[in-house]
Amino acid sequence: MTDIAPIGPAHLVGRTVLIVVDIQGGAGTTPPEEGGIPVLMGGRAERRERVRALVDGARAAGVPVVWIQEVHKRSLVDIGRELDGAEGPHCIEGDPDTEIAAWLDPQPEEFLIRKRRYSAFFGTELEIVLKAYKADTVVLVGGLTDVCIHYTAVDAHQHDYRVRVVTDCVAGSTQRAHDNALEAVQYLQRDALVTAADVHASLDGAPVPA
């Protein structure tokens, strides 16, 4: 494991939105290694509890929660180049395991955004939603660190948002890939890496969207 670590407190600057990226699997009947996306990083149960607590903490602080769900047609007509790498067919529309994980509970007033590519910004309404919330900072949890978290963070950076990736609430395809992705994000924004504890400590002072 590398020495990539958060630097200082979370610093949730301005109006903050929590974005939950691709925590799917429905009731969890398919093992992670059989879902079309190889995941060799441990700590799943611990991350689950931290994510759940962050969602609850954001709601209690009046910070909006936005849900991202990757979905593809069964014909794979919309999956593009995703099958050129390590991933097999995944997130097929209508499959139970494509649904948001059963231990999470998106609320009717919260946005659930479906995407067809790695970045949550690409070809979706996420930018409209963030502008509606007058967001300054986006907090990212979910997976995979080296894929959808990484590319969403890069696009958020290029849209001039402050990015905070919660290092103990994201998981990579491997530990090495996870660490490398975090290092790449930190290269773009020196304060981007935070922990769940950092975010909890900052939530009470986070401005609430009007």
Protein backbone atom coordinates (compact mmCIF):
# COMPACT_ATOMS: atom_id res chain seq x y z
CA MET A 1 0.00 0.00 0.00
CA THR A 2 1.25 3.51 -0.79
CA ASP A 3 1.46 6.50 1.51
CA ILE A 4 -1.40 8.30 -0.24
CA ALA A 5 -3.43 9.89 2.57
CA PRO A 6 -5.73 12.84 3.21
CA ILE A 7 -4.05 16.16 3.92
CA GLY A 8 -5.58 18.03 6.83
CA PRO A 9 -9.31 18.55 7.50
CA ALA A 10 -12.02 18.07 4.92
CA HIS A 11 -12.69 21.75 4.17
CA LEU A 12 -16.14 21.41 2.64
CA VAL A 13 -16.07 24.74 0.87
CA GLY A 14 -19.32 26.48 0.01
CA ARG A 15 -22.41 24.48 -0.85
CA THR A 16 -21.77 20.75 -0.73
CA VAL A 17 -23.43 17.77 -2.47
CA LEU A 18 -22.78 14.12 -1.62
CA ILE A 19 -22.62 11.93 -4.74
CA VAL A 20 -23.02 8.16 -4.25
CA VAL A 21 -21.46 6.51 -7.31
CA ASP A 22 -22.51 3.05 -8.50
CA ILE A 23 -23.17 1.31 -5.19
CA GLN A 24 -25.31 -1.31 -6.83
CA GLY A 25 -26.05 -4.99 -6.43
CA GLY A 26 -29.66 -5.00 -5.26
CA ALA A 27 -30.00 -7.59 -2.52
CA GLY A 28 -26.41 -8.69 -3.15
CA THR A 29 -27.15 -12.15 -4.56
CA THR A 30 -24.24 -12.06 -7.03
CA PRO A 31 -20.72 -12.29 -5.58
CA PRO A 32 -18.56 -9.26 -6.53
CA GLU A 33 -16.17 -11.41 -8.57
CA GLU A 34 -19.04 -12.72 -10.72
CA GLY A 35 -20.71 -9.43 -11.58
CA GLY A 36 -18.78 -8.66 -14.75
CA ILE A 37 -16.45 -6.22 -12.95
CA PRO A 38 -13.41 -7.70 -11.19
CA VAL A 39 -13.08 -6.39 -7.61
CA LEU A 40 -10.09 -7.69 -5.65
CA MET A 41 -10.03 -5.10 -2.85
CA GLY A 42 -11.23 -6.04 0.64
CA GLY A 43 -12.98 -4.07 3.39
CA ARG A 44 -16.46 -4.18 1.87
CA ALA A 45 -18.41 -4.50 5.14
CA GLU A 46 -16.57 -1.62 6.81
CA ARG A 47 -17.08 0.68 3.83
CA ARG A 48 -20.77 -0.16 3.80
CA GLU A 49 -21.24 1.08 7.36
CA ARG A 50 -19.25 4.25 6.73
CA VAL A 51 -21.21 5.08 3.55
CA ARG A 52 -24.52 4.49 5.30
CA ALA A 53 -23.49 6.81 8.13
CA LEU A 54 -22.32 9.49 5.67
CA VAL A 55 -25.64 9.43 3.82
CA ASP A 56 -27.48 9.80 7.14
CA GLY A 57 -25.13 12.58 8.24
CA ALA A 58 -25.54 14.50 4.99
CA ARG A 59 -29.32 14.34 5.23
CA ALA A 60 -29.25 15.47 8.86
CA ALA A 61 -27.08 18.45 7.87
CA GLY A 62 -29.34 19.37 4.94
CA VAL A 63 -26.69 18.41 2.37
CA PRO A 64 -28.25 16.97 -0.82
CA VAL A 65 -27.54 13.35 -1.74
CA VAL A 66 -27.36 12.44 -5.44
CA TRP A 67 -27.38 8.80 -6.54
CA ILE A 68 -25.57 7.51 -9.61
CA GLN A 69 -26.50 4.18 -11.24
CA GLU A 70 -24.74 2.63 -14.22
CA VAL A 71 -27.21 0.91 -16.56
CA HIS A 72 -26.84 -0.77 -19.95
CA LYS A 73 -29.28 -2.36 -22.38
CA ARG A 74 -29.24 -6.13 -22.56
CA SER A 75 -28.13 -5.90 -26.18
CA LEU A 76 -25.05 -3.92 -25.00
CA VAL A 77 -25.69 -1.45 -27.81
CA ASP A 78 -24.92 1.39 -25.37
CA ILE A 79 -21.88 -0.05 -23.55
CA GLY A 80 -19.30 1.33 -25.95
CA ARG A 81 -15.63 0.54 -25.30
CA GLU A 82 -16.16 -0.66 -21.69
CA LEU A 83 -15.68 -4.30 -22.73
CA ASP A 84 -12.25 -3.59 -24.27
CA GLY A 85 -10.58 -3.81 -20.85
CA ALA A 86 -10.94 -6.11 -17.84
CA GLU A 87 -14.72 -5.72 -17.45
CA GLY A 88 -17.29 -8.15 -18.79
CA PRO A 89 -20.98 -7.34 -19.37
CA HIS A 90 -22.34 -5.59 -16.29
CA CYS A 91 -25.13 -3.37 -14.96
CA ILE A 92 -27.71 -4.78 -17.36
CA GLU A 93 -31.09 -3.05 -17.29
CA GLY A 94 -33.71 -5.15 -15.54
CA ASP A 95 -31.28 -7.37 -13.64
CA PRO A 96 -31.83 -7.29 -9.86
CA ASP A 97 -28.12 -6.76 -9.26
CA THR A 98 -28.19 -3.56 -11.31
CA GLU A 99 -30.43 -1.88 -8.73
CA ILE A 100 -29.05 0.38 -6.01
CA ALA A 101 -27.82 -1.78 -3.12
CA ALA A 102 -30.71 -2.81 -0.88
CA TRP A 103 -29.02 -1.43 2.24
CA LEU A 104 -29.29 2.07 0.79
CA ASP A 105 -32.53 4.02 0.53
CA PRO A 106 -32.69 6.81 -2.06
CA GLN A 107 -35.53 9.12 -1.13
CA PRO A 108 -38.17 10.36 -3.59
CA GLU A 109 -36.90 13.95 -3.40
CA GLU A 110 -33.32 12.89 -4.14
CA PHE A 111 -32.02 12.64 -7.70
CA LEU A 112 -31.21 9.19 -9.09
CA ILE A 113 -29.16 9.64 -12.25
CA ARG A 114 -28.52 6.80 -14.68
CA LYS A 115 -25.32 6.82 -16.72
CA ARG A 116 -23.97 4.86 -19.67
CA ARG A 117 -20.27 5.70 -19.25
CA TYR A 118 -17.73 5.80 -16.42
CA SER A 119 -18.08 9.49 -15.60
CA ALA A 120 -21.30 10.53 -13.87
CA PHE A 121 -21.15 13.76 -15.90
CA PHE A 122 -20.90 12.22 -19.37
CA GLY A 123 -24.24 12.36 -21.17
CA THR A 124 -26.27 12.84 -17.96
CA GLU A 125 -28.17 15.61 -16.18
CA LEU A 126 -25.69 15.76 -13.26
CA GLU A 127 -24.41 19.21 -14.20
CA ILE A 128 -27.99 20.55 -14.25
CA VAL A 129 -28.64 19.04 -10.81
CA LEU A 130 -25.45 20.48 -9.31
CA LYS A 131 -26.24 23.91 -10.71
CA ALA A 132 -29.74 23.68 -9.23
CA TYR A 133 -28.15 23.01 -5.84
CA LYS A 134 -25.61 25.81 -6.45
CA ALA A 135 -22.90 23.32 -5.56
CA ASP A 136 -19.31 24.36 -4.89
CA THR A 137 -17.96 21.08 -3.49
CA VAL A 138 -18.82 17.52 -4.48
CA VAL A 139 -18.10 14.64 -2.11
CA LEU A 140 -17.66 11.25 -3.83
CA VAL A 141 -18.21 7.79 -2.35
CA GLY A 142 -18.69 4.43 -4.06
CA GLY A 143 -16.69 2.71 -6.77
CA LEU A 144 -14.60 1.84 -8.47
CA THR A 145 -11.89 4.26 -7.32
CA ASP A 146 -9.82 3.68 -10.45
CA VAL A 147 -12.75 3.83 -12.85
CA CYS A 148 -16.02 5.67 -12.17
CA ILE A 149 -14.81 7.62 -9.12
CA HIS A 150 -11.65 8.68 -10.93
CA TYR A 151 -13.38 9.83 -14.11
CA THR A 152 -16.21 11.55 -12.23
CA ALA A 153 -13.64 13.37 -10.09
CA VAL A 154 -11.70 14.48 -13.18
CA ASP A 155 -14.85 15.80 -14.84
CA ALA A 156 -15.92 17.56 -11.63
CA HIS A 157 -12.49 19.21 -11.55
CA GLN A 158 -12.84 20.30 -15.19
CA HIS A 159 -16.26 21.77 -14.35
CA ASP A 160 -14.51 23.80 -11.62
CA TYR A 161 -16.02 22.04 -8.61
CA ARG A 162 -13.98 21.35 -5.53
CA VAL A 163 -13.66 17.56 -5.28
CA ARG A 164 -13.52 15.52 -2.10
CA VAL A 165 -13.01 11.76 -2.49
CA VAL A 166 -13.72 9.91 0.77
CA THR A 167 -10.79 7.51 0.79
CA ASP A 168 -12.32 5.00 3.22
CA CYS A 169 -15.68 5.00 1.40
CA VAL A 170 -14.39 4.09 -2.07
CA ALA A 171 -12.94 0.83 -3.40
CA GLY A 172 -10.81 0.02 -6.40
CA SER A 173 -10.49 -3.01 -8.62
CA THR A 174 -7.27 -3.71 -6.67
CA GLN A 175 -5.50 -1.97 -3.80
CA ARG A 176 -2.78 -0.78 -6.18
CA ALA A 177 -5.31 0.63 -8.65
CA HIS A 178 -7.17 2.31 -5.77
CA ASP A 179 -3.98 3.96 -4.49
CA ASN A 180 -2.89 5.07 -7.95
CA ALA A 181 -6.28 6.64 -8.67
CA LEU A 182 -6.23 8.55 -5.39
CA GLU A 183 -2.75 9.82 -6.20
CA ALA A 184 -3.96 11.03 -9.60
CA VAL A 185 -6.93 12.86 -8.07
CA GLN A 186 -4.73 14.46 -5.43
CA TYR A 187 -2.43 15.69 -8.21
CA LEU A 188 -5.39 17.67 -9.61
CA GLN A 189 -6.61 19.05 -6.28
CA ARG A 190 -4.25 18.93 -3.30
CA ASP A 191 -7.12 18.86 -0.75
CA ALA A 192 -9.21 16.27 -2.59
CA LEU A 193 -8.57 13.29 -0.31
CA VAL A 194 -10.58 13.11 2.90
CA THR A 195 -11.85 10.46 5.30
CA ALA A 196 -15.38 9.76 6.48
CA ALA A 197 -14.42 11.17 9.90
CA ASP A 198 -13.23 14.41 8.22
CA VAL A 199 -16.53 14.80 6.41
CA HIS A 200 -18.62 14.14 9.52
CA ALA A 201 -16.60 16.79 11.34
CA SER A 202 -17.32 19.30 8.57
CA LEU A 203 -20.97 18.56 7.81
CA ASP A 204 -22.44 20.70 10.57
CA GLY A 205 -20.85 23.77 9.01
CA ALA A 206 -21.70 22.93 5.39
CA PRO A 207 -23.95 25.57 3.76
CA VAL A 208 -27.36 24.25 2.74
CA PRO A 209 -28.61 24.92 -0.82
CA ALA A 210 -31.37 27.52 -0.92
